[in-house]
């Protein structure tokens, strides 16, 4: 099972009307949908996470250190941006990743779960 944990700031309300902006995404585990190297659920989760990390770096100038990975573990932390336009862009990128994870969960709920923590 892949567990995707979304950490949101309590206020203000996020760009998609959720509790608040996403501050961190932690992905842990292996889906077990298929053999290693053939698991489409793990691949989908990985692509979603790496795309968000890459977009934060390329489109927002986030440092590489905002993404950490290990076998079966990926953590993406949203850095603080002084520029409101860049901060808004980062929020959209993270919300897009959230939507991607929710879509994977909708099709493969036995293999990937998304949970949200608001602090």
PDB file of N, CA and C in Angstrom:
ATOM      1  N   UNK A   1       0.844  -1.189   0.000  1.00  0.00           N
ATOM      2  CA  UNK A   1       0.000   0.000   0.000  1.00  0.00           C
ATOM      3  C   UNK A   1       0.881   1.240   0.000  1.00  0.00           C
ATOM      4  N   UNK A   2       0.551   2.182  -0.869  1.00  0.00           N
ATOM      5  CA  UNK A   2       1.202   3.484  -0.876  1.00  0.00           C
ATOM      6  C   UNK A   2       0.315   4.420  -0.063  1.00  0.00           C
ATOM      7  N   UNK A   3       0.907   5.063   0.917  1.00  0.00           N
ATOM      8  CA  UNK A   3       0.191   6.051   1.731  1.00  0.00           C
ATOM      9  C   UNK A   3       0.714   7.435   1.385  1.00  0.00           C
ATOM     10  N   UNK A   4      -0.213   8.300   0.978  1.00  0.00           N
ATOM     11  CA  UNK A   4       0.120   9.682   0.642  1.00  0.00           C
ATOM     12  C   UNK A   4      -0.502  10.549   1.718  1.00  0.00           C
ATOM     13  N   UNK A   5       0.350  11.246   2.451  1.00  0.00           N
ATOM     14  CA  UNK A   5      -0.134  12.111   3.525  1.00  0.00           C
ATOM     15  C   UNK A   5       0.086  13.564   3.111  1.00  0.00           C
ATOM     16  N   UNK A   6      -1.003  14.320   3.112  1.00  0.00           N
ATOM     17  CA  UNK A   6      -0.982  15.726   2.729  1.00  0.00           C
ATOM     18  C   UNK A   6      -1.067  16.557   4.005  1.00  0.00           C
ATOM     19  N   UNK A   7      -0.120  17.431   4.199  1.00  0.00           N
ATOM     20  CA  UNK A   7      -0.120  18.319   5.361  1.00  0.00           C
ATOM     21  C   UNK A   7      -0.483  19.718   4.893  1.00  0.00           C
ATOM     22  N   UNK A   8      -1.577  20.231   5.437  1.00  0.00           N
ATOM     23  CA  UNK A   8      -2.059  21.563   5.068  1.00  0.00           C
ATOM     24  C   UNK A   8      -1.928  22.525   6.241  1.00  0.00           C
ATOM     25  N   UNK A   9      -1.654  23.762   5.916  1.00  0.00           N
ATOM     26  CA  UNK A   9      -1.706  24.842   6.897  1.00  0.00           C
ATOM     27  C   UNK A   9      -3.184  25.132   7.153  1.00  0.00           C
ATOM     28  N   UNK A  10      -3.538  25.438   8.375  1.00  0.00           N
ATOM     29  CA  UNK A  10      -4.945  25.626   8.723  1.00  0.00           C
ATOM     30  C   UNK A  10      -5.583  26.794   7.979  1.00  0.00           C
ATOM     31  N   UNK A  11      -4.902  27.918   7.906  1.00  0.00           N
ATOM     32  CA  UNK A  11      -5.441  29.112   7.248  1.00  0.00           C
ATOM     33  C   UNK A  11      -4.353  29.776   6.439  1.00  0.00           C
ATOM     34  N   UNK A  12      -4.640  30.519   5.457  1.00  0.00           N
ATOM     35  CA  UNK A  12      -5.947  30.781   4.876  1.00  0.00           C
ATOM     36  C   UNK A  12      -6.391  29.605   4.007  1.00  0.00           C
ATOM     37  N   UNK A  13      -7.591  29.685   3.492  1.00  0.00           N
ATOM     38  CA  UNK A  13      -8.123  28.628   2.637  1.00  0.00           C
ATOM     39  C   UNK A  13      -7.232  28.501   1.398  1.00  0.00           C
ATOM     40  N   UNK A  14      -6.973  27.261   0.979  1.00  0.00           N
ATOM     41  CA  UNK A  14      -6.117  27.003  -0.172  1.00  0.00           C
ATOM     42  C   UNK A  14      -6.774  27.378  -1.489  1.00  0.00           C
ATOM     43  N   UNK A  15      -6.006  27.284  -2.556  1.00  0.00           N
ATOM     44  CA  UNK A  15      -6.470  27.706  -3.871  1.00  0.00           C
ATOM     45  C   UNK A  15      -7.638  26.887  -4.391  1.00  0.00           C
ATOM     46  N   UNK A  16      -7.839  25.666  -3.885  1.00  0.00           N
ATOM     47  CA  UNK A  16      -8.964  24.860  -4.373  1.00  0.00           C
ATOM     48  C   UNK A  16     -10.098  24.777  -3.351  1.00  0.00           C
ATOM     49  N   UNK A  17     -10.071  25.660  -2.345  1.00  0.00           N
ATOM     50  CA  UNK A  17     -11.143  25.685  -1.365  1.00  0.00           C
ATOM     51  C   UNK A  17     -10.945  24.713  -0.220  1.00  0.00           C
ATOM     52  N   UNK A  18      -9.846  23.953  -0.222  1.00  0.00           N
ATOM     53  CA  UNK A  18      -9.546  23.035   0.880  1.00  0.00           C
ATOM     54  C   UNK A  18      -9.130  23.851   2.104  1.00  0.00           C
ATOM     55  N   UNK A  19      -8.840  23.173   3.194  1.00  0.00           N
ATOM     56  CA  UNK A  19      -8.560  23.810   4.481  1.00  0.00           C
ATOM     57  C   UNK A  19      -7.493  24.895   4.410  1.00  0.00           C
ATOM     58  N   UNK A  20      -6.455  24.675   3.697  1.00  0.00           N
ATOM     59  CA  UNK A  20      -5.379  25.645   3.599  1.00  0.00           C
ATOM     60  C   UNK A  20      -4.331  25.142   2.636  1.00  0.00           C
ATOM     61  N   UNK A  21      -3.316  25.952   2.370  1.00  0.00           N
ATOM     62  CA  UNK A  21      -2.301  25.542   1.413  1.00  0.00           C
ATOM     63  C   UNK A  21      -1.514  24.317   1.886  1.00  0.00           C
ATOM     64  N   UNK A  22      -1.073  23.535   0.947  1.00  0.00           N
ATOM     65  CA  UNK A  22      -0.278  22.342   1.246  1.00  0.00           C
ATOM     66  C   UNK A  22       1.134  22.778   1.615  1.00  0.00           C
ATOM     67  N   UNK A  23       1.619  22.279   2.728  1.00  0.00           N
ATOM     68  CA  UNK A  23       2.979  22.590   3.183  1.00  0.00           C
ATOM     69  C   UNK A  23       3.931  21.421   2.987  1.00  0.00           C
ATOM     70  N   UNK A  24       3.374  20.190   2.959  1.00  0.00           N
ATOM     71  CA  UNK A  24       4.234  19.025   2.828  1.00  0.00           C
ATOM     72  C   UNK A  24       3.420  17.857   2.292  1.00  0.00           C
ATOM     73  N   UNK A  25       4.072  17.009   1.513  1.00  0.00           N
ATOM     74  CA  UNK A  25       3.493  15.755   1.044  1.00  0.00           C
ATOM     75  C   UNK A  25       4.485  14.648   1.378  1.00  0.00           C
ATOM     76  N   UNK A  26       4.008  13.611   2.064  1.00  0.00           N
ATOM     77  CA  UNK A  26       4.852  12.460   2.375  1.00  0.00           C
ATOM     78  C   UNK A  26       4.217  11.234   1.736  1.00  0.00           C
ATOM     79  N   UNK A  27       5.019  10.505   0.981  1.00  0.00           N
ATOM     80  CA  UNK A  27       4.566   9.292   0.306  1.00  0.00           C
ATOM     81  C   UNK A  27       5.405   8.138   0.838  1.00  0.00           C
ATOM     82  N   UNK A  28       4.740   7.090   1.326  1.00  0.00           N
ATOM     83  CA  UNK A  28       5.443   5.951   1.901  1.00  0.00           C
ATOM     84  C   UNK A  28       4.842   4.642   1.431  1.00  0.00           C
ATOM     85  N   UNK A  29       5.695   3.660   1.258  1.00  0.00           N
ATOM     86  CA  UNK A  29       5.244   2.312   0.973  1.00  0.00           C
ATOM     87  C   UNK A  29       5.345   1.934  -0.488  1.00  0.00           C
ATOM     88  N   UNK A  30       4.942   0.706  -0.757  1.00  0.00           N
ATOM     89  CA  UNK A  30       4.914   0.155  -2.108  1.00  0.00           C
ATOM     90  C   UNK A  30       3.516  -0.371  -2.364  1.00  0.00           C
ATOM     91  N   UNK A  31       3.007  -0.179  -3.547  1.00  0.00           N
ATOM     92  CA  UNK A  31       1.618  -0.512  -3.848  1.00  0.00           C
ATOM     93  C   UNK A  31       1.334  -2.009  -3.787  1.00  0.00           C
ATOM     94  N   UNK A  32       2.228  -2.822  -4.326  1.00  0.00           N
ATOM     95  CA  UNK A  32       1.957  -4.253  -4.382  1.00  0.00           C
ATOM     96  C   UNK A  32       0.958  -4.625  -5.470  1.00  0.00           C
ATOM     97  N   UNK A  33       0.757  -3.730  -6.418  1.00  0.00           N
ATOM     98  CA  UNK A  33      -0.171  -3.995  -7.522  1.00  0.00           C
ATOM     99  C   UNK A  33       0.418  -5.022  -8.491  1.00  0.00           C
ATOM    100  N   UNK A  34       1.732  -4.926  -8.707  1.00  0.00           N
ATOM    101  CA  UNK A  34       2.425  -5.833  -9.624  1.00  0.00           C
ATOM    102  C   UNK A  34       3.881  -5.955  -9.165  1.00  0.00           C
ATOM    103  N   UNK A  35       4.649  -6.754  -9.890  1.00  0.00           N
ATOM    104  CA  UNK A  35       6.062  -6.938  -9.541  1.00  0.00           C
ATOM    105  C   UNK A  35       6.816  -5.624  -9.652  1.00  0.00           C
ATOM    106  N   UNK A  36       7.930  -5.551  -8.903  1.00  0.00           N
ATOM    107  CA  UNK A  36       8.811  -4.388  -8.953  1.00  0.00           C
ATOM    108  C   UNK A  36       9.208  -4.123 -10.408  1.00  0.00           C
ATOM    109  N   UNK A  37       9.091  -2.895 -10.827  1.00  0.00           N
ATOM    110  CA  UNK A  37       9.414  -2.529 -12.195  1.00  0.00           C
ATOM    111  C   UNK A  37       8.228  -2.603 -13.144  1.00  0.00           C
ATOM    112  N   UNK A  38       7.127  -3.211 -12.686  1.00  0.00           N
ATOM    113  CA  UNK A  38       5.926  -3.334 -13.512  1.00  0.00           C
ATOM    114  C   UNK A  38       4.692  -2.769 -12.812  1.00  0.00           C
ATOM    115  N   UNK A  39       4.884  -2.154 -11.663  1.00  0.00           N
ATOM    116  CA  UNK A  39       3.778  -1.684 -10.834  1.00  0.00           C
ATOM    117  C   UNK A  39       3.318  -0.299 -11.295  1.00  0.00           C
ATOM    118  N   UNK A  40       2.164  -0.242 -11.969  1.00  0.00           N
ATOM    119  CA  UNK A  40       1.681   1.031 -12.513  1.00  0.00           C
ATOM    120  C   UNK A  40       1.220   1.998 -11.427  1.00  0.00           C
ATOM    121  N   UNK A  41       0.803   1.483 -10.278  1.00  0.00           N
ATOM    122  CA  UNK A  41       0.372   2.369  -9.191  1.00  0.00           C
ATOM    123  C   UNK A  41       1.582   3.080  -8.595  1.00  0.00           C
ATOM    124  N   UNK A  42       2.656   2.327  -8.334  1.00  0.00           N
ATOM    125  CA  UNK A  42       3.889   2.958  -7.839  1.00  0.00           C
ATOM    126  C   UNK A  42       4.433   3.953  -8.868  1.00  0.00           C
ATOM    127  N   UNK A  43       4.373   3.572 -10.136  1.00  0.00           N
ATOM    128  CA  UNK A  43       4.862   4.459 -11.189  1.00  0.00           C
ATOM    129  C   UNK A  43       4.044   5.750 -11.234  1.00  0.00           C
ATOM    130  N   UNK A  44       2.741   5.627 -11.130  1.00  0.00           N
ATOM    131  CA  UNK A  44       1.881   6.815 -11.161  1.00  0.00           C
ATOM    132  C   UNK A  44       2.163   7.734  -9.973  1.00  0.00           C
ATOM    133  N   UNK A  45       2.320   7.151  -8.793  1.00  0.00           N
ATOM    134  CA  UNK A  45       2.623   7.954  -7.601  1.00  0.00           C
ATOM    135  C   UNK A  45       3.985   8.631  -7.745  1.00  0.00           C
ATOM    136  N   UNK A  46       4.962   7.896  -8.257  1.00  0.00           N
ATOM    137  CA  UNK A  46       6.300   8.461  -8.444  1.00  0.00           C
ATOM    138  C   UNK A  46       6.295   9.605  -9.449  1.00  0.00           C
ATOM    139  N   UNK A  47       5.626   9.418 -10.559  1.00  0.00           N
ATOM    140  CA  UNK A  47       5.562  10.464 -11.577  1.00  0.00           C
ATOM    141  C   UNK A  47       4.893  11.715 -11.007  1.00  0.00           C
ATOM    142  N   UNK A  48       3.831  11.541 -10.253  1.00  0.00           N
ATOM    143  CA  UNK A  48       3.141  12.679  -9.660  1.00  0.00           C
ATOM    144  C   UNK A  48       4.062  13.439  -8.710  1.00  0.00           C
ATOM    145  N   UNK A  49       4.768  12.707  -7.855  1.00  0.00           N
ATOM    146  CA  UNK A  49       5.671  13.338  -6.879  1.00  0.00           C
ATOM    147  C   UNK A  49       6.855  14.019  -7.552  1.00  0.00           C
ATOM    148  N   UNK A  50       7.505  13.331  -8.478  1.00  0.00           N
ATOM    149  CA  UNK A  50       8.667  13.907  -9.156  1.00  0.00           C
ATOM    150  C   UNK A  50       8.289  15.097 -10.034  1.00  0.00           C
ATOM    151  N   UNK A  51       7.129  15.054 -10.651  1.00  0.00           N
ATOM    152  CA  UNK A  51       6.683  16.182 -11.462  1.00  0.00           C
ATOM    153  C   UNK A  51       6.454  17.409 -10.583  1.00  0.00           C
ATOM    154  N   UNK A  52       5.815  17.215  -9.429  1.00  0.00           N
ATOM    155  CA  UNK A  52       5.595  18.338  -8.511  1.00  0.00           C
ATOM    156  C   UNK A  52       6.925  18.912  -8.029  1.00  0.00           C
ATOM    157  N   UNK A  53       7.853  18.044  -7.653  1.00  0.00           N
ATOM    158  CA  UNK A  53       9.166  18.512  -7.186  1.00  0.00           C
ATOM    159  C   UNK A  53       9.892  19.266  -8.299  1.00  0.00           C
ATOM    160  N   UNK A  54       9.866  18.717  -9.506  1.00  0.00           N
ATOM    161  CA  UNK A  54      10.518  19.374 -10.636  1.00  0.00           C
ATOM    162  C   UNK A  54       9.892  20.709 -10.963  1.00  0.00           C
ATOM    163  N   UNK A  55       8.565  20.773 -10.929  1.00  0.00           N
ATOM    164  CA  UNK A  55       7.868  22.024 -11.213  1.00  0.00           C
ATOM    165  C   UNK A  55       8.177  23.083 -10.152  1.00  0.00           C
ATOM    166  N   UNK A  56       8.241  22.679  -8.893  1.00  0.00           N
ATOM    167  CA  UNK A  56       8.613  23.643  -7.843  1.00  0.00           C
ATOM    168  C   UNK A  56      10.003  24.214  -8.102  1.00  0.00           C
ATOM    169  N   UNK A  57      10.914  23.363  -8.534  1.00  0.00           N
ATOM    170  CA  UNK A  57      12.271  23.828  -8.817  1.00  0.00           C
ATOM    171  C   UNK A  57      12.340  24.710 -10.052  1.00  0.00           C
ATOM    172  N   UNK A  58      11.764  24.229 -11.136  1.00  0.00           N
ATOM    173  CA  UNK A  58      11.880  24.942 -12.416  1.00  0.00           C
ATOM    174  C   UNK A  58      11.007  26.192 -12.472  1.00  0.00           C
ATOM    175  N   UNK A  59       9.758  26.090 -12.022  1.00  0.00           N
ATOM    176  CA  UNK A  59       8.820  27.209 -12.158  1.00  0.00           C
ATOM    177  C   UNK A  59       8.823  28.174 -10.988  1.00  0.00           C
ATOM    178  N   UNK A  60       9.341  27.704  -9.826  1.00  0.00           N
ATOM    179  CA  UNK A  60       9.312  28.562  -8.632  1.00  0.00           C
ATOM    180  C   UNK A  60      10.696  28.840  -8.050  1.00  0.00           C
ATOM    181  N   UNK A  61      11.698  28.133  -8.524  1.00  0.00           N
ATOM    182  CA  UNK A  61      13.042  28.341  -7.994  1.00  0.00           C
ATOM    183  C   UNK A  61      13.278  27.676  -6.655  1.00  0.00           C
ATOM    184  N   UNK A  62      12.470  26.679  -6.311  1.00  0.00           N
ATOM    185  CA  UNK A  62      12.647  25.976  -5.033  1.00  0.00           C
ATOM    186  C   UNK A  62      13.953  25.190  -5.055  1.00  0.00           C
ATOM    187  N   UNK A  63      14.634  25.119  -3.924  1.00  0.00           N
ATOM    188  CA  UNK A  63      15.885  24.347  -3.871  1.00  0.00           C
ATOM    189  C   UNK A  63      15.619  22.843  -3.962  1.00  0.00           C
ATOM    190  N   UNK A  64      16.614  22.109  -4.450  1.00  0.00           N
ATOM    191  CA  UNK A  64      16.488  20.653  -4.541  1.00  0.00           C
ATOM    192  C   UNK A  64      16.250  20.019  -3.179  1.00  0.00           C
ATOM    193  N   UNK A  65      16.680  20.674  -2.128  1.00  0.00           N
ATOM    194  CA  UNK A  65      16.544  20.118  -0.775  1.00  0.00           C
ATOM    195  C   UNK A  65      15.089  20.029  -0.311  1.00  0.00           C
ATOM    196  N   UNK A  66      14.149  20.614  -1.062  1.00  0.00           N
ATOM    197  CA  UNK A  66      12.746  20.511  -0.647  1.00  0.00           C
ATOM    198  C   UNK A  66      12.196  19.109  -0.909  1.00  0.00           C
ATOM    199  N   UNK A  67      12.908  18.296  -1.692  1.00  0.00           N
ATOM    200  CA  UNK A  67      12.490  16.916  -1.962  1.00  0.00           C
ATOM    201  C   UNK A  67      13.528  15.953  -1.380  1.00  0.00           C
ATOM    202  N   UNK A  68      13.038  14.968  -0.643  1.00  0.00           N
ATOM    203  CA  UNK A  68      13.905  13.940  -0.067  1.00  0.00           C
ATOM    204  C   UNK A  68      13.327  12.589  -0.440  1.00  0.00           C
ATOM    205  N   UNK A  69      14.205  11.648  -0.746  1.00  0.00           N
ATOM    206  CA  UNK A  69      13.706  10.334  -1.120  1.00  0.00           C
ATOM    207  C   UNK A  69      14.599   9.223  -0.597  1.00  0.00           C
ATOM    208  N   UNK A  70      13.981   8.081  -0.450  1.00  0.00           N
ATOM    209  CA  UNK A  70      14.607   6.833  -0.068  1.00  0.00           C
ATOM    210  C   UNK A  70      13.750   5.744  -0.672  1.00  0.00           C
ATOM    211  N   UNK A  71      14.149   4.520  -0.571  1.00  0.00           N
ATOM    212  CA  UNK A  71      13.332   3.426  -1.095  1.00  0.00           C
ATOM    213  C   UNK A  71      11.974   3.407  -0.394  1.00  0.00           C
ATOM    214  N   UNK A  72      10.916   3.564  -1.152  1.00  0.00           N
ATOM    215  CA  UNK A  72       9.572   3.530  -0.579  1.00  0.00           C
ATOM    216  C   UNK A  72       9.202   4.766   0.210  1.00  0.00           C
ATOM    217  N   UNK A  73       9.965   5.860   0.043  1.00  0.00           N
ATOM    218  CA  UNK A  73       9.699   7.085   0.802  1.00  0.00           C
ATOM    219  C   UNK A  73      10.034   8.294  -0.065  1.00  0.00           C
ATOM    220  N   UNK A  74       9.126   9.284  -0.060  1.00  0.00           N
ATOM    221  CA  UNK A  74       9.360  10.552  -0.756  1.00  0.00           C
ATOM    222  C   UNK A  74       8.707  11.645   0.073  1.00  0.00           C
ATOM    223  N   UNK A  75       9.446  12.705   0.333  1.00  0.00           N
ATOM    224  CA  UNK A  75       8.907  13.841   1.089  1.00  0.00           C
ATOM    225  C   UNK A  75       9.148  15.111   0.287  1.00  0.00           C
ATOM    226  N   UNK A  76       8.092  15.873   0.101  1.00  0.00           N
ATOM    227  CA  UNK A  76       8.169  17.134  -0.624  1.00  0.00           C
ATOM    228  C   UNK A  76       7.653  18.236   0.292  1.00  0.00           C
ATOM    229  N   UNK A  77       8.538  19.167   0.634  1.00  0.00           N
ATOM    230  CA  UNK A  77       8.185  20.265   1.529  1.00  0.00           C
ATOM    231  C   UNK A  77       8.155  21.567   0.739  1.00  0.00           C
ATOM    232  N   UNK A  78       7.070  22.298   0.872  1.00  0.00           N
ATOM    233  CA  UNK A  78       6.936  23.579   0.175  1.00  0.00           C
ATOM    234  C   UNK A  78       7.779  24.628   0.894  1.00  0.00           C
ATOM    235  N   UNK A  79       8.739  25.214   0.194  1.00  0.00           N
ATOM    236  CA  UNK A  79       9.516  26.276   0.832  1.00  0.00           C
ATOM    237  C   UNK A  79       8.695  27.555   0.937  1.00  0.00           C
ATOM    238  N   UNK A  80       9.142  28.460   1.768  1.00  0.00           N
ATOM    239  CA  UNK A  80       8.481  29.762   1.890  1.00  0.00           C
ATOM    240  C   UNK A  80       8.970  30.655   0.746  1.00  0.00           C
ATOM    241  N   UNK A  81       8.036  31.339   0.106  1.00  0.00           N
ATOM    242  CA  UNK A  81       8.384  32.282  -0.955  1.00  0.00           C
ATOM    243  C   UNK A  81       7.905  33.670  -0.556  1.00  0.00           C
ATOM    244  N   UNK A  82       8.796  34.660  -0.600  1.00  0.00           N
ATOM    245  CA  UNK A  82       8.428  36.055  -0.309  1.00  0.00           C
ATOM    246  C   UNK A  82       7.513  36.617  -1.388  1.00  0.00           C
ATOM    247  N   UNK A  83       7.776  36.251  -2.622  1.00  0.00           N
ATOM    248  CA  UNK A  83       7.013  36.751  -3.761  1.00  0.00           C
ATOM    249  C   UNK A  83       5.655  36.050  -3.812  1.00  0.00           C
ATOM    250  N   UNK A  84       4.570  36.812  -3.724  1.00  0.00           N
ATOM    251  CA  UNK A  84       3.216  36.246  -3.685  1.00  0.00           C
ATOM    252  C   UNK A  84       2.860  35.497  -4.971  1.00  0.00           C
ATOM    253  N   UNK A  85       3.338  35.992  -6.117  1.00  0.00           N
ATOM    254  CA  UNK A  85       3.058  35.307  -7.381  1.00  0.00           C
ATOM    255  C   UNK A  85       3.715  33.928  -7.417  1.00  0.00           C
ATOM    256  N   UNK A  86       4.941  33.852  -6.941  1.00  0.00           N
ATOM    257  CA  UNK A  86       5.641  32.561  -6.911  1.00  0.00           C
ATOM    258  C   UNK A  86       4.997  31.643  -5.874  1.00  0.00           C
ATOM    259  N   UNK A  87       4.605  32.185  -4.742  1.00  0.00           N
ATOM    260  CA  UNK A  87       3.938  31.378  -3.708  1.00  0.00           C
ATOM    261  C   UNK A  87       2.627  30.810  -4.249  1.00  0.00           C
ATOM    262  N   UNK A  88       1.875  31.609  -4.975  1.00  0.00           N
ATOM    263  CA  UNK A  88       0.619  31.148  -5.566  1.00  0.00           C
ATOM    264  C   UNK A  88       0.883  30.044  -6.602  1.00  0.00           C
ATOM    265  N   UNK A  89       1.918  30.229  -7.402  1.00  0.00           N
ATOM    266  CA  UNK A  89       2.309  29.222  -8.392  1.00  0.00           C
ATOM    267  C   UNK A  89       2.660  27.899  -7.690  1.00  0.00           C
ATOM    268  N   UNK A  90       3.403  27.989  -6.594  1.00  0.00           N
ATOM    269  CA  UNK A  90       3.768  26.789  -5.830  1.00  0.00           C
ATOM    270  C   UNK A  90       2.523  26.101  -5.269  1.00  0.00           C
ATOM    271  N   UNK A  91       1.573  26.896  -4.774  1.00  0.00           N
ATOM    272  CA  UNK A  91       0.317  26.325  -4.262  1.00  0.00           C
ATOM    273  C   UNK A  91      -0.422  25.558  -5.356  1.00  0.00           C
ATOM    274  N   UNK A  92      -0.460  26.112  -6.549  1.00  0.00           N
ATOM    275  CA  UNK A  92      -1.145  25.439  -7.660  1.00  0.00           C
ATOM    276  C   UNK A  92      -0.443  24.130  -8.015  1.00  0.00           C
ATOM    277  N   UNK A  93       0.871  24.143  -8.022  1.00  0.00           N
ATOM    278  CA  UNK A  93       1.629  22.918  -8.316  1.00  0.00           C
ATOM    279  C   UNK A  93       1.307  21.841  -7.294  1.00  0.00           C
ATOM    280  N   UNK A  94       1.314  22.192  -6.012  1.00  0.00           N
ATOM    281  CA  UNK A  94       1.039  21.204  -4.958  1.00  0.00           C
ATOM    282  C   UNK A  94      -0.412  20.736  -4.992  1.00  0.00           C
ATOM    283  N   UNK A  95      -1.332  21.626  -5.298  1.00  0.00           N
ATOM    284  CA  UNK A  95      -2.741  21.229  -5.421  1.00  0.00           C
ATOM    285  C   UNK A  95      -2.939  20.298  -6.614  1.00  0.00           C
ATOM    286  N   UNK A  96      -2.203  20.547  -7.681  1.00  0.00           N
ATOM    287  CA  UNK A  96      -2.282  19.673  -8.846  1.00  0.00           C
ATOM    288  C   UNK A  96      -1.781  18.278  -8.497  1.00  0.00           C
ATOM    289  N   UNK A  97      -0.702  18.191  -7.725  1.00  0.00           N
ATOM    290  CA  UNK A  97      -0.205  16.888  -7.270  1.00  0.00           C
ATOM    291  C   UNK A  97      -1.261  16.200  -6.409  1.00  0.00           C
ATOM    292  N   UNK A  98      -1.891  16.953  -5.515  1.00  0.00           N
ATOM    293  CA  UNK A  98      -2.958  16.397  -4.671  1.00  0.00           C
ATOM    294  C   UNK A  98      -4.081  15.816  -5.531  1.00  0.00           C
ATOM    295  N   UNK A  99      -4.501  16.557  -6.540  1.00  0.00           N
ATOM    296  CA  UNK A  99      -5.550  16.070  -7.435  1.00  0.00           C
ATOM    297  C   UNK A  99      -5.099  14.783  -8.129  1.00  0.00           C
ATOM    298  N   UNK A 100      -3.852  14.755  -8.565  1.00  0.00           N
ATOM    299  CA  UNK A 100      -3.316  13.551  -9.197  1.00  0.00           C
ATOM    300  C   UNK A 100      -3.356  12.350  -8.271  1.00  0.00           C
ATOM    301  N   UNK A 101      -2.943  12.540  -7.024  1.00  0.00           N
ATOM    302  CA  UNK A 101      -2.981  11.437  -6.053  1.00  0.00           C
ATOM    303  C   UNK A 101      -4.417  10.987  -5.790  1.00  0.00           C
ATOM    304  N   UNK A 102      -5.337  11.929  -5.689  1.00  0.00           N
ATOM    305  CA  UNK A 102      -6.749  11.573  -5.470  1.00  0.00           C
ATOM    306  C   UNK A 102      -7.311  10.793  -6.660  1.00  0.00           C
ATOM    307  N   UNK A 103      -6.891  11.135  -7.874  1.00  0.00           N
ATOM    308  CA  UNK A 103      -7.358  10.404  -9.047  1.00  0.00           C
ATOM    309  C   UNK A 103      -6.796   8.983  -9.066  1.00  0.00           C
ATOM    310  N   UNK A 104      -5.547   8.825  -8.676  1.00  0.00           N
ATOM    311  CA  UNK A 104      -4.976   7.475  -8.577  1.00  0.00           C
ATOM    312  C   UNK A 104      -5.741   6.679  -7.526  1.00  0.00           C
ATOM    313  N   UNK A 105      -6.003   7.309  -6.380  1.00  0.00           N
ATOM    314  CA  UNK A 105      -6.752   6.646  -5.313  1.00  0.00           C
ATOM    315  C   UNK A 105      -8.140   6.220  -5.795  1.00  0.00           C
ATOM    316  N   UNK A 106      -8.797   7.049  -6.588  1.00  0.00           N
ATOM    317  CA  UNK A 106     -10.141   6.728  -7.069  1.00  0.00           C
ATOM    318  C   UNK A 106     -10.148   5.457  -7.921  1.00  0.00           C
ATOM    319  N   UNK A 107      -9.082   5.222  -8.649  1.00  0.00           N
ATOM    320  CA  UNK A 107      -9.012   4.037  -9.510  1.00  0.00           C
ATOM    321  C   UNK A 107      -8.354   2.830  -8.848  1.00  0.00           C
ATOM    322  N   UNK A 108      -7.492   3.074  -7.858  1.00  0.00           N
ATOM    323  CA  UNK A 108      -6.702   1.994  -7.250  1.00  0.00           C
ATOM    324  C   UNK A 108      -6.715   2.100  -5.725  1.00  0.00           C
ATOM    325  N   UNK A 109      -7.895   2.215  -5.140  1.00  0.00           N
ATOM    326  CA  UNK A 109      -8.011   2.464  -3.698  1.00  0.00           C
ATOM    327  C   UNK A 109      -7.483   1.318  -2.826  1.00  0.00           C
ATOM    328  N   UNK A 110      -7.331   0.141  -3.378  1.00  0.00           N
ATOM    329  CA  UNK A 110      -6.748  -0.965  -2.606  1.00  0.00           C
ATOM    330  C   UNK A 110      -5.226  -0.859  -2.528  1.00  0.00           C
ATOM    331  N   UNK A 111      -4.663   0.028  -3.322  1.00  0.00           N
ATOM    332  CA  UNK A 111      -3.204   0.108  -3.427  1.00  0.00           C
ATOM    333  C   UNK A 111      -2.624   1.472  -3.073  1.00  0.00           C
ATOM    334  N   UNK A 112      -3.456   2.515  -3.012  1.00  0.00           N
ATOM    335  CA  UNK A 112      -2.988   3.851  -2.670  1.00  0.00           C
ATOM    336  C   UNK A 112      -4.074   4.578  -1.893  1.00  0.00           C
ATOM    337  N   UNK A 113      -3.690   5.162  -0.766  1.00  0.00           N
ATOM    338  CA  UNK A 113      -4.603   5.933   0.089  1.00  0.00           C
ATOM    339  C   UNK A 113      -4.040   7.327   0.291  1.00  0.00           C
ATOM    340  N   UNK A 114      -4.935   8.311   0.259  1.00  0.00           N
ATOM    341  CA  UNK A 114      -4.566   9.703   0.511  1.00  0.00           C
ATOM    342  C   UNK A 114      -5.226  10.141   1.801  1.00  0.00           C
ATOM    343  N   UNK A 115      -4.445  10.734   2.696  1.00  0.00           N
ATOM    344  CA  UNK A 115      -5.011  11.298   3.923  1.00  0.00           C
ATOM    345  C   UNK A 115      -4.520  12.731   4.064  1.00  0.00           C
ATOM    346  N   UNK A 116      -5.284  13.535   4.800  1.00  0.00           N
ATOM    347  CA  UNK A 116      -4.960  14.944   4.975  1.00  0.00           C
ATOM    348  C   UNK A 116      -4.884  15.288   6.446  1.00  0.00           C
ATOM    349  N   UNK A 117      -3.844  16.029   6.809  1.00  0.00           N
ATOM    350  CA  UNK A 117      -3.675  16.560   8.163  1.00  0.00           C
ATOM    351  C   UNK A 117      -3.669  18.074   8.076  1.00  0.00           C
ATOM    352  N   UNK A 118      -4.430  18.712   8.927  1.00  0.00           N
ATOM    353  CA  UNK A 118      -4.492  20.171   8.958  1.00  0.00           C
ATOM    354  C   UNK A 118      -3.890  20.633  10.282  1.00  0.00           C
ATOM    355  N   UNK A 119      -2.901  21.512  10.190  1.00  0.00           N
ATOM    356  CA  UNK A 119      -2.258  22.036  11.406  1.00  0.00           C
ATOM    357  C   UNK A 119      -2.052  23.525  11.275  1.00  0.00           C
TER     358      UNK A 119
END
